Amino acid sequence: MNPTISVLYSCHQCGLKKIAVAVPARTDEDVVVWVETIMGRRLAGDHAQRSPHCHPDTLDEVMIPMTGTDRVGGAPVQ
């Protein structure tokens, strides 16, 4: 099972602030591919579920944890 990380996002359009979403940690994927396909889809899906009438072009304040990892989106290294 792939570990997850907790990514936060906000949406100034509908007022959501620092919503935590469990996202599969990045492994061998290119960071751009991971952001657009894995993380981006997970955040967009969470936003659509929480605020179905809001359709922003972008989300705000996306925060990917970096403590204890050797890559953007990676799981913490023990």
C-alpha atoms as a PDB file:
ATOM      1  CA  MET A   1       0.000   0.000   0.000  1.00  0.00           C
ATOM      2  CA  ASN A   2       1.333   3.391  -1.021  1.00  0.00           C
ATOM      3  CA  PRO A   3       1.751   5.812   1.912  1.00  0.00           C
ATOM      4  CA  THR A   4      -0.171   9.084   1.897  1.00  0.00           C
ATOM      5  CA  ILE A   5       0.743  12.622   2.852  1.00  0.00           C
ATOM      6  CA  SER A   6      -1.576  15.352   4.097  1.00  0.00           C
ATOM      7  CA  VAL A   7      -1.789  18.270   1.645  1.00  0.00           C
ATOM      8  CA  LEU A   8      -3.632  21.460   2.621  1.00  0.00           C
ATOM      9  CA  TYR A   9      -5.514  23.795   0.307  1.00  0.00           C
ATOM     10  CA  SER A  10      -7.765  26.840   0.510  1.00  0.00           C
ATOM     11  CA  CYS A  11     -10.327  28.309  -1.880  1.00  0.00           C
ATOM     12  CA  HIS A  12     -10.825  32.038  -1.570  1.00  0.00           C
ATOM     13  CA  GLN A  13     -13.796  31.866  -3.937  1.00  0.00           C
ATOM     14  CA  CYS A  14     -15.984  29.777  -1.590  1.00  0.00           C
ATOM     15  CA  GLY A  15     -14.168  30.382   1.695  1.00  0.00           C
ATOM     16  CA  LEU A  16     -12.622  26.974   2.394  1.00  0.00           C
ATOM     17  CA  LYS A  17      -9.441  27.419   4.449  1.00  0.00           C
ATOM     18  CA  LYS A  18      -6.554  25.004   4.982  1.00  0.00           C
ATOM     19  CA  ILE A  19      -8.478  21.824   4.183  1.00  0.00           C
ATOM     20  CA  ALA A  20      -6.374  18.675   4.743  1.00  0.00           C
ATOM     21  CA  VAL A  21      -6.576  15.947   2.102  1.00  0.00           C
ATOM     22  CA  ALA A  22      -4.796  12.576   2.154  1.00  0.00           C
ATOM     23  CA  VAL A  23      -2.883  12.258  -1.118  1.00  0.00           C
ATOM     24  CA  PRO A  24      -0.798   9.276  -2.292  1.00  0.00           C
ATOM     25  CA  ALA A  25       2.860  10.126  -1.723  1.00  0.00           C
ATOM     26  CA  ARG A  26       5.023  10.679  -4.780  1.00  0.00           C
ATOM     27  CA  THR A  27       7.318   7.800  -5.650  1.00  0.00           C
ATOM     28  CA  ASP A  28       9.048   7.685  -9.057  1.00  0.00           C
ATOM     29  CA  GLU A  29       6.695  10.052 -10.904  1.00  0.00           C
ATOM     30  CA  ASP A  30       7.949  13.321 -12.307  1.00  0.00           C
ATOM     31  CA  VAL A  31       6.902  16.090  -9.907  1.00  0.00           C
ATOM     32  CA  VAL A  32       4.817  17.875 -12.574  1.00  0.00           C
ATOM     33  CA  VAL A  33       2.979  14.656 -13.455  1.00  0.00           C
ATOM     34  CA  TRP A  34       2.326  13.966  -9.738  1.00  0.00           C
ATOM     35  CA  VAL A  35       1.030  17.508  -9.098  1.00  0.00           C
ATOM     36  CA  GLU A  36      -1.256  17.565 -12.131  1.00  0.00           C
ATOM     37  CA  THR A  37      -2.594  14.019 -12.119  1.00  0.00           C
ATOM     38  CA  ILE A  38      -2.456  12.608  -8.610  1.00  0.00           C
ATOM     39  CA  MET A  39      -2.450  15.524  -6.187  1.00  0.00           C
ATOM     40  CA  GLY A  40      -4.402  17.917  -8.395  1.00  0.00           C
ATOM     41  CA  ARG A  41      -7.213  15.479  -9.072  1.00  0.00           C
ATOM     42  CA  ARG A  42      -7.464  14.512  -5.400  1.00  0.00           C
ATOM     43  CA  LEU A  43      -7.707  18.163  -4.282  1.00  0.00           C
ATOM     44  CA  ALA A  44     -10.178  19.039  -7.048  1.00  0.00           C
ATOM     45  CA  GLY A  45     -12.363  16.065  -6.130  1.00  0.00           C
ATOM     46  CA  ASP A  46     -12.334  16.993  -2.442  1.00  0.00           C
ATOM     47  CA  HIS A  47     -13.201  20.598  -3.279  1.00  0.00           C
ATOM     48  CA  ALA A  48     -16.067  19.566  -5.570  1.00  0.00           C
ATOM     49  CA  GLN A  49     -17.490  17.346  -2.843  1.00  0.00           C
ATOM     50  CA  ARG A  50     -17.264  20.035  -0.142  1.00  0.00           C
ATOM     51  CA  SER A  51     -18.415  22.946  -2.286  1.00  0.00           C
ATOM     52  CA  PRO A  52     -20.360  21.610  -5.308  1.00  0.00           C
ATOM     53  CA  HIS A  53     -21.534  25.046  -6.497  1.00  0.00           C
ATOM     54  CA  CYS A  54     -18.036  26.557  -6.559  1.00  0.00           C
ATOM     55  CA  HIS A  55     -16.034  26.114  -9.764  1.00  0.00           C
ATOM     56  CA  PRO A  56     -12.701  27.923  -9.341  1.00  0.00           C
ATOM     57  CA  ASP A  57     -10.008  27.974 -12.016  1.00  0.00           C
ATOM     58  CA  THR A  58      -7.373  27.366  -9.328  1.00  0.00           C
ATOM     59  CA  LEU A  59      -7.136  26.494  -5.656  1.00  0.00           C
ATOM     60  CA  ASP A  60      -5.245  28.758  -3.265  1.00  0.00           C
ATOM     61  CA  GLU A  61      -2.562  28.141  -0.663  1.00  0.00           C
ATOM     62  CA  VAL A  62      -1.738  24.572  -1.665  1.00  0.00           C
ATOM     63  CA  MET A  63       0.703  23.339   0.988  1.00  0.00           C
ATOM     64  CA  ILE A  64       2.761  20.195   0.395  1.00  0.00           C
ATOM     65  CA  PRO A  65       4.731  19.030   3.457  1.00  0.00           C
ATOM     66  CA  MET A  66       8.514  18.910   3.012  1.00  0.00           C
ATOM     67  CA  THR A  67       9.697  17.987   6.514  1.00  0.00           C
ATOM     68  CA  GLY A  68      11.488  14.655   6.651  1.00  0.00           C
ATOM     69  CA  THR A  69      11.368  13.899   2.934  1.00  0.00           C
ATOM     70  CA  ASP A  70      13.887  14.038   0.132  1.00  0.00           C
ATOM     71  CA  ARG A  71      11.464  15.061  -2.632  1.00  0.00           C
ATOM     72  CA  VAL A  72       8.395  17.220  -3.231  1.00  0.00           C
ATOM     73  CA  GLY A  73       5.357  15.092  -2.385  1.00  0.00           C
ATOM     74  CA  GLY A  74       7.433  12.242  -0.992  1.00  0.00           C
ATOM     75  CA  ALA A  75       6.586  10.288   2.132  1.00  0.00           C
ATOM     76  CA  PRO A  76       8.691  11.105   5.217  1.00  0.00           C
ATOM     77  CA  VAL A  77      11.914   9.106   5.368  1.00  0.00           C
ATOM     78  CA  GLN A  78      12.371   7.195   8.623  1.00  0.00           C
END
